Amino acid sequence: MTLEYFRDFCLALPHVTEDTPFDVNTLCFRVGGKIFAILDMETFDYVNLKCDPERSIELREQYPGITPGYHMNKKWWNSVSVRGDVPDRLILELAKHSYDLIFSSLPKKIKDDLAQ
């Protein structure tokens, strides 16, 4: 998985923006102003993605490349290796899952504003 491919995938999702709020190397993808993916542009070894807690447990047991989210709430976030045993298809599926979790948690007013 390349950074460019992952970035293009995320930016193709509806209403997604990107920024670097923490430092020049940490890229965040947002929907409705809330982050759904965080990665280091310089090394791009993994991406932090939000995940349903029950699914997180299953994924962590199945893939050594999926671990509790680095510097994140370990219940809700995973660090997903883009260089290891996690298939690219699954990485993109988990990015979409993270996007969906964040989008569904947005207040109705923000969702309505995005729909315009």
Protein backbone atom coordinates (compact mmCIF):
# COMPACT_ATOMS: atom_id res chain seq x y z
CA MET A 1 0.00 0.00 0.00
CA THR A 2 1.42 3.35 -0.96
CA LEU A 3 0.67 6.65 0.72
CA GLU A 4 -0.62 8.05 -2.56
CA TYR A 5 -3.05 5.17 -3.08
CA PHE A 6 -4.37 5.39 0.49
CA ARG A 7 -4.67 9.18 0.25
CA ASP A 8 -6.57 8.98 -3.06
CA PHE A 9 -8.93 6.40 -1.56
CA CYS A 10 -9.71 8.55 1.48
CA LEU A 11 -10.14 11.75 -0.51
CA ALA A 12 -12.61 9.98 -2.83
CA LEU A 13 -14.98 9.42 0.11
CA PRO A 14 -17.76 12.03 0.39
CA HIS A 15 -16.95 15.27 2.23
CA VAL A 16 -13.42 14.22 3.26
CA THR A 17 -10.78 16.83 4.02
CA GLU A 18 -7.13 16.44 4.98
CA ASP A 19 -4.84 18.47 7.18
CA THR A 20 -1.70 18.31 9.32
CA PRO A 21 -2.84 19.70 12.70
CA PHE A 22 -0.12 18.14 14.87
CA ASP A 23 3.07 18.58 12.82
CA VAL A 24 4.18 18.66 9.20
CA ASN A 25 4.42 14.84 8.94
CA THR A 26 1.19 13.74 10.61
CA LEU A 27 -1.60 13.66 8.04
CA CYS A 28 -5.21 13.46 9.20
CA PHE A 29 -8.31 12.69 7.16
CA ARG A 30 -11.57 14.12 8.45
CA VAL A 31 -15.27 14.06 7.76
CA GLY A 32 -17.41 16.77 9.31
CA GLY A 33 -14.31 18.07 11.08
CA LYS A 34 -13.70 14.78 12.94
CA ILE A 35 -10.65 12.61 12.29
CA PHE A 36 -11.13 9.09 10.93
CA ALA A 37 -7.54 8.30 9.84
CA ILE A 38 -4.10 9.43 11.01
CA LEU A 39 -0.75 8.54 9.49
CA ASP A 40 2.87 9.62 9.31
CA MET A 41 3.65 10.85 5.80
CA GLU A 42 7.40 10.47 6.24
CA THR A 43 7.45 6.78 7.17
CA PHE A 44 3.89 5.55 6.37
CA ASP A 45 4.32 2.23 8.14
CA TYR A 46 0.85 2.21 9.67
CA VAL A 47 -2.39 4.15 9.82
CA ASN A 48 -4.58 4.72 12.88
CA LEU A 49 -8.22 3.90 12.17
CA LYS A 50 -11.30 3.89 14.38
CA CYS A 51 -12.99 0.51 14.68
CA ASP A 52 -15.92 -1.12 16.42
CA PRO A 53 -14.46 -2.49 19.70
CA GLU A 54 -15.66 -6.07 19.17
CA ARG A 55 -14.29 -6.17 15.65
CA SER A 56 -11.01 -4.68 16.92
CA ILE A 57 -10.48 -7.64 19.21
CA GLU A 58 -11.10 -10.12 16.38
CA LEU A 59 -8.78 -8.27 14.00
CA ARG A 60 -5.98 -8.01 16.56
CA GLU A 61 -6.19 -11.76 17.16
CA GLN A 62 -6.17 -12.53 13.44
CA TYR A 63 -3.47 -10.11 12.22
CA PRO A 64 -0.20 -9.32 14.04
CA GLY A 65 -0.14 -6.11 11.95
CA ILE A 66 -3.25 -4.77 13.71
CA THR A 67 -2.52 -3.50 17.20
CA PRO A 68 -4.17 -1.12 19.69
CA GLY A 69 -4.04 2.44 18.36
CA TYR A 70 -0.75 4.20 19.03
CA HIS A 71 -1.44 7.34 21.12
CA MET A 72 -5.18 6.71 20.74
CA ASN A 73 -8.06 5.26 22.75
CA LYS A 74 -7.10 1.57 22.63
CA LYS A 75 -10.74 0.44 22.78
CA TRP A 76 -11.80 2.32 19.65
CA TRP A 77 -8.64 2.77 17.57
CA ASN A 78 -6.25 0.38 15.82
CA SER A 79 -2.84 0.92 14.32
CA VAL A 80 -2.95 -0.99 11.03
CA SER A 81 0.35 -1.89 9.39
CA VAL A 82 0.57 -1.10 5.70
CA ARG A 83 3.82 -3.06 5.36
CA GLY A 84 2.95 -6.37 7.01
CA ASP A 85 0.38 -9.11 6.93
CA VAL A 86 -2.74 -6.95 6.53
CA PRO A 87 -4.05 -7.18 2.95
CA ASP A 88 -4.49 -3.87 1.11
CA ARG A 89 -8.15 -4.70 0.53
CA LEU A 90 -8.69 -5.00 4.30
CA ILE A 91 -6.81 -1.76 5.00
CA LEU A 92 -9.16 0.09 2.65
CA GLU A 93 -12.19 -1.68 4.14
CA LEU A 94 -11.09 -0.61 7.63
CA ALA A 95 -10.56 2.97 6.44
CA LYS A 96 -14.13 3.00 5.11
CA HIS A 97 -15.38 1.45 8.36
CA SER A 98 -13.61 4.19 10.32
CA TYR A 99 -15.12 6.84 8.04
CA ASP A 100 -18.60 5.32 8.50
CA LEU A 101 -18.24 5.25 12.31
CA ILE A 102 -17.22 8.90 12.40
CA PHE A 103 -19.85 10.01 9.89
CA SER A 104 -22.63 8.22 11.79
CA SER A 105 -21.57 9.94 15.03
CA LEU A 106 -21.82 13.44 13.55
CA PRO A 107 -24.63 15.67 14.80
CA LYS A 108 -27.65 15.90 12.48
CA LYS A 109 -26.94 19.57 11.71
CA ILE A 110 -23.43 18.78 10.44
CA LYS A 111 -24.72 15.88 8.33
CA ASP A 112 -27.41 18.16 6.90
CA ASP A 113 -24.81 20.85 6.14
CA LEU A 114 -22.61 18.30 4.35
CA ALA A 115 -25.56 17.08 2.29
CA GLN A 116 -26.05 20.53 0.75
